[in-house]
C-alpha atoms as a PDB file:
ATOM      1  CA  MET A   1     -12.764  -2.347 -10.031  1.00  0.00           C
ATOM      2  CA  GLU A   2     -10.916  -4.107  -7.138  1.00  0.00           C
ATOM      3  CA  ASN A   3      -7.102  -4.968  -8.073  1.00  0.00           C
ATOM      4  CA  THR A   4      -6.616  -8.448  -6.761  1.00  0.00           C
ATOM      5  CA  HIS A   5      -2.912  -8.925  -8.606  1.00  0.00           C
ATOM      6  CA  PHE A   6      -1.497  -9.176  -5.319  1.00  0.00           C
ATOM      7  CA  SER A   7      -4.260 -10.670  -2.995  1.00  0.00           C
ATOM      8  CA  LEU A   8      -3.690 -13.602  -0.361  1.00  0.00           C
ATOM      9  CA  GLU A   9      -6.823 -14.126   0.187  1.00  0.00           C
ATOM     10  CA  GLY A  10      -7.427 -17.452   1.531  1.00  0.00           C
ATOM     11  CA  GLN A  11      -3.710 -18.593   1.656  1.00  0.00           C
ATOM     12  CA  VAL A  12      -1.758 -19.515   4.994  1.00  0.00           C
ATOM     13  CA  ALA A  13       1.550 -17.845   5.647  1.00  0.00           C
ATOM     14  CA  ILE A  14       3.882 -19.046   8.506  1.00  0.00           C
ATOM     15  CA  VAL A  15       6.371 -16.398   9.687  1.00  0.00           C
ATOM     16  CA  THR A  16       9.080 -17.245  11.906  1.00  0.00           C
ATOM     17  CA  GLY A  17      10.952 -14.795  14.338  1.00  0.00           C
ATOM     18  CA  THR A  18       7.520 -12.570  14.940  1.00  0.00           C
ATOM     19  CA  SER A  19       7.985 -11.419  18.268  1.00  0.00           C
ATOM     20  CA  ARG A  20       9.958  -8.509  17.495  1.00  0.00           C
ATOM     21  CA  GLY A  21      11.773  -6.407  14.524  1.00  0.00           C
ATOM     22  CA  LEU A  22      11.114  -6.982  10.722  1.00  0.00           C
ATOM     23  CA  GLY A  23       9.421 -10.514  11.216  1.00  0.00           C
ATOM     24  CA  GLN A  24       6.202  -8.315  12.414  1.00  0.00           C
ATOM     25  CA  TYR A  25       5.975  -6.209  10.340  1.00  0.00           C
ATOM     26  CA  LEU A  26       6.671  -8.621   7.029  1.00  0.00           C
ATOM     27  CA  ALA A  27       3.535 -10.819   8.847  1.00  0.00           C
ATOM     28  CA  MET A  28       1.399  -7.447   8.855  1.00  0.00           C
ATOM     29  CA  ALA A  29       2.299  -7.044   5.476  1.00  0.00           C
ATOM     30  CA  LEU A  30       0.923 -10.861   4.645  1.00  0.00           C
ATOM     31  CA  ALA A  31      -2.078 -10.308   6.459  1.00  0.00           C
ATOM     32  CA  ARG A  32      -3.312  -7.071   4.830  1.00  0.00           C
ATOM     33  CA  ALA A  33      -2.777  -9.097   1.776  1.00  0.00           C
ATOM     34  CA  GLY A  34      -5.509 -11.445   2.990  1.00  0.00           C
ATOM     35  CA  ALA A  35      -3.236 -14.165   4.106  1.00  0.00           C
ATOM     36  CA  ASP A  36      -3.800 -16.083   7.699  1.00  0.00           C
ATOM     37  CA  LEU A  37      -1.036 -16.570   9.637  1.00  0.00           C
ATOM     38  CA  VAL A  38       1.156 -18.388  11.531  1.00  0.00           C
ATOM     39  CA  LEU A  39       3.099 -16.988  14.038  1.00  0.00           C
ATOM     40  CA  THR A  40       5.908 -18.210  16.141  1.00  0.00           C
ATOM     41  CA  SER A  41       8.814 -17.054  18.599  1.00  0.00           C
ATOM     42  CA  ARG A  42      11.265 -19.165  21.088  1.00  0.00           C
ATOM     43  CA  ASN A  43       8.786 -17.483  24.214  1.00  0.00           C
ATOM     44  CA  ARG A  44       4.993 -17.776  22.520  1.00  0.00           C
ATOM     45  CA  ASP A  45       3.752 -15.022  25.734  1.00  0.00           C
ATOM     46  CA  THR A  46       5.859 -12.510  23.527  1.00  0.00           C
ATOM     47  CA  LEU A  47       2.983 -13.198  20.718  1.00  0.00           C
ATOM     48  CA  LYS A  48       0.121 -11.992  22.610  1.00  0.00           C
ATOM     49  CA  GLU A  49      -0.461  -7.981  21.542  1.00  0.00           C
ATOM     50  CA  PHE A  50       0.920  -8.695  17.874  1.00  0.00           C
ATOM     51  CA  LYS A  51      -1.571 -11.879  17.436  1.00  0.00           C
ATOM     52  CA  SER A  52      -4.041  -9.064  18.722  1.00  0.00           C
ATOM     53  CA  GLN A  53      -2.833  -6.802  15.754  1.00  0.00           C
ATOM     54  CA  ILE A  54      -3.567  -9.648  13.095  1.00  0.00           C
ATOM     55  CA  THR A  55      -6.805 -10.502  14.557  1.00  0.00           C
ATOM     56  CA  ALA A  56      -8.445  -6.939  14.588  1.00  0.00           C
ATOM     57  CA  LEU A  57      -7.837  -7.151  10.320  1.00  0.00           C
ATOM     58  CA  GLY A  58     -10.352 -10.297  10.775  1.00  0.00           C
ATOM     59  CA  ARG A  59      -7.467 -12.712   9.823  1.00  0.00           C
ATOM     60  CA  ARG A  60      -6.994 -16.260  10.899  1.00  0.00           C
ATOM     61  CA  VAL A  61      -4.372 -16.729  13.379  1.00  0.00           C
ATOM     62  CA  LEU A  62      -2.236 -19.630  15.353  1.00  0.00           C
ATOM     63  CA  SER A  63       0.720 -18.289  17.586  1.00  0.00           C
ATOM     64  CA  LEU A  64       3.432 -21.367  18.458  1.00  0.00           C
ATOM     65  CA  GLU A  65       6.902 -21.473  19.798  1.00  0.00           C
ATOM     66  CA  LEU A  66       9.091 -22.541  17.793  1.00  0.00           C
ATOM     67  CA  ASP A  67      13.496 -23.036  18.442  1.00  0.00           C
ATOM     68  CA  VAL A  68      14.504 -23.087  14.603  1.00  0.00           C
ATOM     69  CA  ARG A  69      18.005 -24.596  16.724  1.00  0.00           C
ATOM     70  CA  ASN A  70      16.291 -27.601  17.331  1.00  0.00           C
ATOM     71  CA  GLU A  71      14.470 -30.090  15.162  1.00  0.00           C
ATOM     72  CA  ALA A  72      12.116 -31.480  17.001  1.00  0.00           C
ATOM     73  CA  SER A  73      10.634 -27.899  17.586  1.00  0.00           C
ATOM     74  CA  ILE A  74      10.947 -27.017  13.992  1.00  0.00           C
ATOM     75  CA  LEU A  75       9.145 -30.493  13.211  1.00  0.00           C
ATOM     76  CA  HIS A  76       6.366 -30.173  16.068  1.00  0.00           C
ATOM     77  CA  MET A  77       5.668 -26.390  14.809  1.00  0.00           C
ATOM     78  CA  VAL A  78       5.178 -27.395  11.502  1.00  0.00           C
ATOM     79  CA  ARG A  79       2.741 -30.074  12.477  1.00  0.00           C
ATOM     80  CA  GLN A  80       0.418 -27.802  14.403  1.00  0.00           C
ATOM     81  CA  ALA A  81       0.303 -25.594  11.608  1.00  0.00           C
ATOM     82  CA  ALA A  82      -0.691 -28.606   9.179  1.00  0.00           C
ATOM     83  CA  GLU A  83      -2.685 -29.674  11.371  1.00  0.00           C
ATOM     84  CA  CYS A  84      -4.554 -26.155  12.104  1.00  0.00           C
ATOM     85  CA  PHE A  85      -5.198 -24.762   8.837  1.00  0.00           C
ATOM     86  CA  GLY A  86      -4.152 -27.447   6.678  1.00  0.00           C
ATOM     87  CA  GLN A  87      -2.565 -26.625   3.557  1.00  0.00           C
ATOM     88  CA  ILE A  88       0.775 -24.220   4.283  1.00  0.00           C
ATOM     89  CA  HIS A  89       0.916 -21.749   0.856  1.00  0.00           C
ATOM     90  CA  ILE A  90       3.876 -19.578   1.990  1.00  0.00           C
ATOM     91  CA  LEU A  91       6.687 -19.491   4.219  1.00  0.00           C
ATOM     92  CA  VAL A  92       8.672 -16.686   5.470  1.00  0.00           C
ATOM     93  CA  ASN A  93      12.166 -18.132   7.113  1.00  0.00           C
ATOM     94  CA  ASN A  94      12.844 -14.514   9.381  1.00  0.00           C
ATOM     95  CA  ALA A  95      14.284 -16.044  12.646  1.00  0.00           C
ATOM     96  CA  GLY A  96      17.753 -15.183  12.876  1.00  0.00           C
ATOM     97  CA  CYS A  97      20.495 -13.260  14.653  1.00  0.00           C
ATOM     98  CA  ASN A  98      23.767 -11.261  15.166  1.00  0.00           C
ATOM     99  CA  VAL A  99      26.723 -11.189  16.974  1.00  0.00           C
ATOM    100  CA  ARG A 100      28.910  -7.887  16.564  1.00  0.00           C
ATOM    101  CA  LYS A 101      32.990  -8.616  16.902  1.00  0.00           C
ATOM    102  CA  PRO A 102      35.612  -8.066  15.251  1.00  0.00           C
ATOM    103  CA  ALA A 103      37.111 -11.186  13.556  1.00  0.00           C
ATOM    104  CA  LEU A 104      39.274 -12.086  16.060  1.00  0.00           C
ATOM    105  CA  ASP A 105      36.946 -11.965  18.823  1.00  0.00           C
ATOM    106  CA  VAL A 106      34.273 -14.342  17.501  1.00  0.00           C
ATOM    107  CA  SER A 107      33.734 -17.461  19.217  1.00  0.00           C
ATOM    108  CA  TRP A 108      33.502 -20.993  18.795  1.00  0.00           C
ATOM    109  CA  ASP A 109      29.911 -20.782  20.812  1.00  0.00           C
ATOM    110  CA  ASP A 110      29.353 -17.370  18.726  1.00  0.00           C
ATOM    111  CA  TRP A 111      29.861 -19.033  15.067  1.00  0.00           C
ATOM    112  CA  ASN A 112      27.529 -21.811  16.029  1.00  0.00           C
ATOM    113  CA  MET A 113      24.697 -20.063  17.426  1.00  0.00           C
ATOM    114  CA  VAL A 114      24.546 -17.306  13.898  1.00  0.00           C
ATOM    115  CA  LEU A 115      25.092 -19.803  12.108  1.00  0.00           C
ATOM    116  CA  ASP A 116      22.529 -23.243  13.709  1.00  0.00           C
ATOM    117  CA  THR A 117      19.853 -20.046  13.710  1.00  0.00           C
ATOM    118  CA  ASN A 118      20.056 -18.279  10.634  1.00  0.00           C
ATOM    119  CA  LEU A 119      21.833 -20.677   7.870  1.00  0.00           C
ATOM    120  CA  ARG A 120      20.934 -24.344   9.147  1.00  0.00           C
ATOM    121  CA  GLY A 121      17.353 -22.987  11.126  1.00  0.00           C
ATOM    122  CA  SER A 122      16.196 -21.871   7.287  1.00  0.00           C
ATOM    123  CA  PHE A 123      17.238 -24.671   5.723  1.00  0.00           C
ATOM    124  CA  PHE A 124      15.376 -27.108   8.281  1.00  0.00           C
ATOM    125  CA  VAL A 125      11.918 -24.961   8.538  1.00  0.00           C
ATOM    126  CA  ALA A 126      12.518 -24.423   4.484  1.00  0.00           C
ATOM    127  CA  GLN A 127      12.616 -28.833   4.154  1.00  0.00           C
ATOM    128  CA  ALA A 128      10.169 -29.397   6.386  1.00  0.00           C
ATOM    129  CA  VAL A 129       6.748 -26.658   4.919  1.00  0.00           C
ATOM    130  CA  ALA A 130       8.312 -28.396   1.825  1.00  0.00           C
ATOM    131  CA  ARG A 131       6.717 -31.840   2.729  1.00  0.00           C
ATOM    132  CA  GLY A 132       3.071 -30.506   2.435  1.00  0.00           C
ATOM    133  CA  MET A 133       4.044 -27.600  -0.292  1.00  0.00           C
ATOM    134  CA  ILE A 134       5.287 -30.638  -2.551  1.00  0.00           C
ATOM    135  CA  ALA A 135       2.057 -32.944  -1.679  1.00  0.00           C
ATOM    136  CA  HIS A 136      -0.156 -30.221  -2.874  1.00  0.00           C
ATOM    137  CA  GLU A 137       2.044 -29.013  -5.127  1.00  0.00           C
ATOM    138  CA  TYR A 138       2.253 -25.196  -4.493  1.00  0.00           C
ATOM    139  CA  GLY A 139       4.515 -22.863  -2.244  1.00  0.00           C
ATOM    140  CA  ARG A 140       6.231 -19.593  -1.984  1.00  0.00           C
ATOM    141  CA  ILE A 141       9.186 -20.080   0.368  1.00  0.00           C
ATOM    142  CA  ILE A 142      11.199 -16.780   0.958  1.00  0.00           C
ATOM    143  CA  ASN A 143      14.044 -16.875   2.535  1.00  0.00           C
ATOM    144  CA  ILE A 144      15.111 -13.499   4.244  1.00  0.00           C
ATOM    145  CA  GLY A 145      19.042 -12.653   3.518  1.00  0.00           C
ATOM    146  CA  SER A 146      20.298  -9.662   3.536  1.00  0.00           C
ATOM    147  CA  VAL A 147      22.590  -6.851   1.716  1.00  0.00           C
ATOM    148  CA  THR A 148      25.345  -9.028   3.589  1.00  0.00           C
ATOM    149  CA  SER A 149      24.250 -11.400   1.061  1.00  0.00           C
ATOM    150  CA  VAL A 150      26.206  -9.815  -1.627  1.00  0.00           C
ATOM    151  CA  PHE A 151      28.434  -7.315   0.489  1.00  0.00           C
ATOM    152  CA  GLY A 152      30.616  -8.449   2.934  1.00  0.00           C
ATOM    153  CA  TYR A 153      31.092  -6.217   6.461  1.00  0.00           C
ATOM    154  CA  ALA A 154      33.815  -5.722   8.965  1.00  0.00           C
ATOM    155  CA  GLY A 155      32.396  -7.338  12.262  1.00  0.00           C
ATOM    156  CA  LEU A 156      29.978  -8.865  10.947  1.00  0.00           C
ATOM    157  CA  ALA A 157      32.050 -12.238   9.485  1.00  0.00           C
ATOM    158  CA  PRO A 158      29.631 -15.048  11.307  1.00  0.00           C
ATOM    159  CA  TYR A 159      26.652 -13.117   9.935  1.00  0.00           C
ATOM    160  CA  GLY A 160      27.408 -12.528   6.392  1.00  0.00           C
ATOM    161  CA  ALA A 161      28.422 -15.935   6.050  1.00  0.00           C
ATOM    162  CA  SER A 162      24.572 -16.959   7.124  1.00  0.00           C
ATOM    163  CA  ARG A 163      23.810 -14.840   5.162  1.00  0.00           C
ATOM    164  CA  GLY A 164      25.329 -15.096   1.803  1.00  0.00           C
ATOM    165  CA  GLY A 165      24.819 -19.424   2.886  1.00  0.00           C
ATOM    166  CA  ILE A 166      20.815 -18.120   2.740  1.00  0.00           C
ATOM    167  CA  ARG A 167      21.724 -16.477  -1.013  1.00  0.00           C
ATOM    168  CA  GLN A 168      22.758 -19.814  -2.487  1.00  0.00           C
ATOM    169  CA  LEU A 169      20.914 -22.116  -0.528  1.00  0.00           C
ATOM    170  CA  THR A 170      17.872 -20.311  -1.931  1.00  0.00           C
ATOM    171  CA  MET A 171      19.505 -21.147  -5.721  1.00  0.00           C
ATOM    172  CA  SER A 172      19.812 -25.234  -4.597  1.00  0.00           C
ATOM    173  CA  LEU A 173      15.944 -25.697  -2.868  1.00  0.00           C
ATOM    174  CA  ALA A 174      14.552 -23.220  -5.902  1.00  0.00           C
ATOM    175  CA  ASP A 175      15.934 -26.126  -8.359  1.00  0.00           C
ATOM    176  CA  ASP A 176      15.385 -28.674  -6.105  1.00  0.00           C
ATOM    177  CA  TRP A 177      11.264 -27.379  -5.893  1.00  0.00           C
ATOM    178  CA  GLY A 178      10.105 -26.369  -8.520  1.00  0.00           C
ATOM    179  CA  GLN A 179       9.472 -29.288 -10.510  1.00  0.00           C
ATOM    180  CA  HIS A 180       6.887 -29.234  -7.782  1.00  0.00           C
ATOM    181  CA  GLY A 181       5.062 -25.810  -8.198  1.00  0.00           C
ATOM    182  CA  VAL A 182       7.409 -24.711  -5.088  1.00  0.00           C
ATOM    183  CA  THR A 183       9.106 -21.156  -5.525  1.00  0.00           C
ATOM    184  CA  VAL A 184      12.118 -20.464  -3.211  1.00  0.00           C
ATOM    185  CA  ASN A 185      13.849 -16.700  -3.450  1.00  0.00           C
ATOM    186  CA  CYS A 186      15.649 -14.885  -1.144  1.00  0.00           C
ATOM    187  CA  LEU A 187      13.930 -11.093   0.168  1.00  0.00           C
ATOM    188  CA  ALA A 188      17.527  -9.146   1.127  1.00  0.00           C
ATOM    189  CA  PRO A 189      16.665  -6.291   3.155  1.00  0.00           C
ATOM    190  CA  GLY A 190      19.594  -3.458   3.173  1.00  0.00           C
ATOM    191  CA  TRP A 191      20.035  -1.128   6.332  1.00  0.00           C
ATOM    192  CA  PHE A 192      17.079  -1.235   8.518  1.00  0.00           C
ATOM    193  CA  ARG A 193      16.366   0.307  12.156  1.00  0.00           C
ATOM    194  CA  THR A 194      15.217  -3.020  14.439  1.00  0.00           C
ATOM    195  CA  ALA A 195      15.198  -3.656  17.484  1.00  0.00           C
ATOM    196  CA  GLN A 196      18.812  -6.107  17.327  1.00  0.00           C
ATOM    197  CA  ASN A 197      20.659  -2.935  15.520  1.00  0.00           C
ATOM    198  CA  GLN A 198      19.391  -0.264  17.463  1.00  0.00           C
ATOM    199  CA  VAL A 199      22.909   1.305  19.248  1.00  0.00           C
ATOM    200  CA  MET A 200      24.381   1.950  15.718  1.00  0.00           C
ATOM    201  CA  TYR A 201      21.560   3.696  14.759  1.00  0.00           C
ATOM    202  CA  GLU A 202      21.942   5.830  17.959  1.00  0.00           C
ATOM    203  CA  ASP A 203      25.526   7.191  16.903  1.00  0.00           C
ATOM    204  CA  PRO A 204      25.124  10.510  14.492  1.00  0.00           C
ATOM    205  CA  GLU A 205      28.851   9.822  12.780  1.00  0.00           C
ATOM    206  CA  TRP A 206      28.058   6.555  11.729  1.00  0.00           C
ATOM    207  CA  LEU A 207      24.036   6.922  10.942  1.00  0.00           C
ATOM    208  CA  GLU A 208      25.620  10.303   8.582  1.00  0.00           C
ATOM    209  CA  TYR A 209      27.969   7.751   6.961  1.00  0.00           C
ATOM    210  CA  LEU A 210      25.576   5.541   6.386  1.00  0.00           C
ATOM    211  CA  ILE A 211      23.256   7.246   4.871  1.00  0.00           C
ATOM    212  CA  GLU A 212      25.948   8.933   2.450  1.00  0.00           C
ATOM    213  CA  ARG A 213      26.669   5.569   1.189  1.00  0.00           C
ATOM    214  CA  ILE A 214      22.935   4.895   0.302  1.00  0.00           C
ATOM    215  CA  PRO A 215      22.047   6.345  -3.326  1.00  0.00           C
ATOM    216  CA  LEU A 216      17.911   7.180  -1.567  1.00  0.00           C
ATOM    217  CA  LYS A 217      19.901   8.839   1.309  1.00  0.00           C
ATOM    218  CA  ARG A 218      17.925   7.694   4.211  1.00  0.00           C
ATOM    219  CA  PRO A 219      17.539   4.344   6.025  1.00  0.00           C
ATOM    220  CA  GLY A 220      15.223   1.979   5.263  1.00  0.00           C
ATOM    221  CA  GLN A 221      11.694   2.080   6.556  1.00  0.00           C
ATOM    222  CA  PRO A 222       9.408  -1.371   7.378  1.00  0.00           C
ATOM    223  CA  GLN A 223       6.898  -0.810   5.350  1.00  0.00           C
ATOM    224  CA  ASP A 224       9.521  -0.544   2.181  1.00  0.00           C
ATOM    225  CA  LEU A 225       8.898  -4.046   2.703  1.00  0.00           C
ATOM    226  CA  ASP A 226       5.925  -4.627   2.338  1.00  0.00           C
ATOM    227  CA  GLY A 227       4.962  -4.825  -1.954  1.00  0.00           C
ATOM    228  CA  ALA A 228       8.402  -6.820  -2.177  1.00  0.00           C
ATOM    229  CA  VAL A 229       7.145  -9.657   0.006  1.00  0.00           C
ATOM    230  CA  VAL A 230       3.663  -9.458  -1.061  1.00  0.00           C
ATOM    231  CA  PHE A 231       5.055 -10.169  -4.688  1.00  0.00           C
ATOM    232  CA  LEU A 232       6.912 -13.145  -3.514  1.00  0.00           C
ATOM    233  CA  ALA A 233       4.462 -14.863  -2.040  1.00  0.00           C
ATOM    234  CA  SER A 234       1.769 -13.626  -4.488  1.00  0.00           C
ATOM    235  CA  GLU A 235       0.922 -15.708  -7.573  1.00  0.00           C
ATOM    236  CA  GLU A 236       1.647 -12.803  -9.532  1.00  0.00           C
ATOM    237  CA  SER A 237       5.816 -14.038  -8.859  1.00  0.00           C
ATOM    238  CA  ARG A 238       5.170 -17.736 -10.188  1.00  0.00           C
ATOM    239  CA  TYR A 239       7.926 -17.810 -12.945  1.00  0.00           C
ATOM    240  CA  ILE A 240      10.459 -16.332 -10.775  1.00  0.00           C
ATOM    241  CA  THR A 241      12.322 -18.457  -8.320  1.00  0.00           C
ATOM    242  CA  GLY A 242      16.031 -18.727  -6.954  1.00  0.00           C
ATOM    243  CA  GLN A 243      16.375 -15.314  -7.022  1.00  0.00           C
ATOM    244  CA  THR A 244      17.749 -12.890  -3.837  1.00  0.00           C
ATOM    245  CA  LEU A 245      15.543  -9.434  -4.217  1.00  0.00           C
ATOM    246  CA  LEU A 246      17.280  -6.605  -2.172  1.00  0.00           C
ATOM    247  CA  VAL A 247      14.977  -3.956  -1.150  1.00  0.00           C
ATOM    248  CA  ASP A 248      18.446  -1.831   0.367  1.00  0.00           C
ATOM    249  CA  GLY A 249      17.600   2.202  -1.231  1.00  0.00           C
ATOM    250  CA  GLY A 250      20.543   1.607  -3.503  1.00  0.00           C
ATOM    251  CA  ILE A 251      23.108   0.455  -0.997  1.00  0.00           C
ATOM    252  CA  SER A 252      24.376  -2.663  -2.954  1.00  0.00           C
ATOM    253  CA  THR A 253      25.746  -0.577  -6.009  1.00  0.00           C
ATOM    254  CA  GLY A 254      28.599   0.870  -4.172  1.00  0.00           C
ATOM    255  CA  ALA A 255      27.946   4.516  -4.181  1.00  0.00           C
ATOM    256  CA  MET A 256      30.948   4.525  -6.537  1.00  0.00           C
ATOM    257  CA  LYS A 257      30.324   8.078  -7.474  1.00  0.00           C
ATOM    258  CA  ALA A 258      31.117   9.667  -4.461  1.00  0.00           C
ATOM    259  CA  MET A 259      34.703   8.728  -4.983  1.00  0.00           C
ATOM    260  CA  LEU A 260      35.036   9.263  -8.889  1.00  0.00           C
ATOM    261  CA  PRO A 261      38.265  11.383  -9.017  1.00  0.00           C
ATOM    262  CA  ARG A 262      37.091  15.340 -10.327  1.00  0.00           C
ATOM    263  CA  LYS A 263      38.496  14.750 -13.719  1.00  0.00           C
ATOM    264  CA  VAL A 264      36.557  11.750 -14.261  1.00  0.00           C
ATOM    265  CA  LYS A 265      33.193  13.673 -12.674  1.00  0.00           C
ATOM    266  CA  GLU A 266      34.191  16.840 -15.158  1.00  0.00           C
ATOM    267  CA  ASN A 267      34.452  14.618 -18.613  1.00  0.00           C
ATOM    268  CA  GLY A 268      31.389  12.430 -17.291  1.00  0.00           C
END
């Protein structure tokens, strides 16, 4: 018998920031589970090849321009998606950016760019999509956070602030919209190699340092997120809301065993 517990057949999902990186993997996972897709990017032309890949799976696909730092762009995207598909069942709030600098070097504009994209943008996209979800009394909103939603790292002050804010925002929206049948959760990846952080993974010393601190002894692979995003988008997560699901290979445990004094190790 076919397992349909996590099927998204007949569902429509908006995934923001799908021109590259984890956004494409998240969208592909939803498509493989049966969902039709709305793909977004600031430049719609960058979506052509990926749109073809989703279409090849037999899914309906709409590609739209979206700048999450522009309210009019957000409202226009959501309106176009609703006109094309009617009900939107799933939102994956993935669009984001980062600036890596020592805290003393972060500029006013750096801060605004990261927070406006990752936090303010996520809120107003969720707000715009949730209006339709509330009208239908059903919705699954998945905000993409990070291990920095719960941990702080040097050189990532604006990014960490934005991702910590995403975690708090998720809980607030879950409380606000739960009565309307809308769940809101945060999917928080650990260290995954993407185009955005590729340069870090080209440093063997840094990579060795990272792996030593991950209990599963490897960085994440994009496919490691497939099950989590499909689960949170599906009916099987119907009684889960306001939660942060870390998919991080265990790095959020703190990897304390590597720092235990010898006597503690010997005595268990």
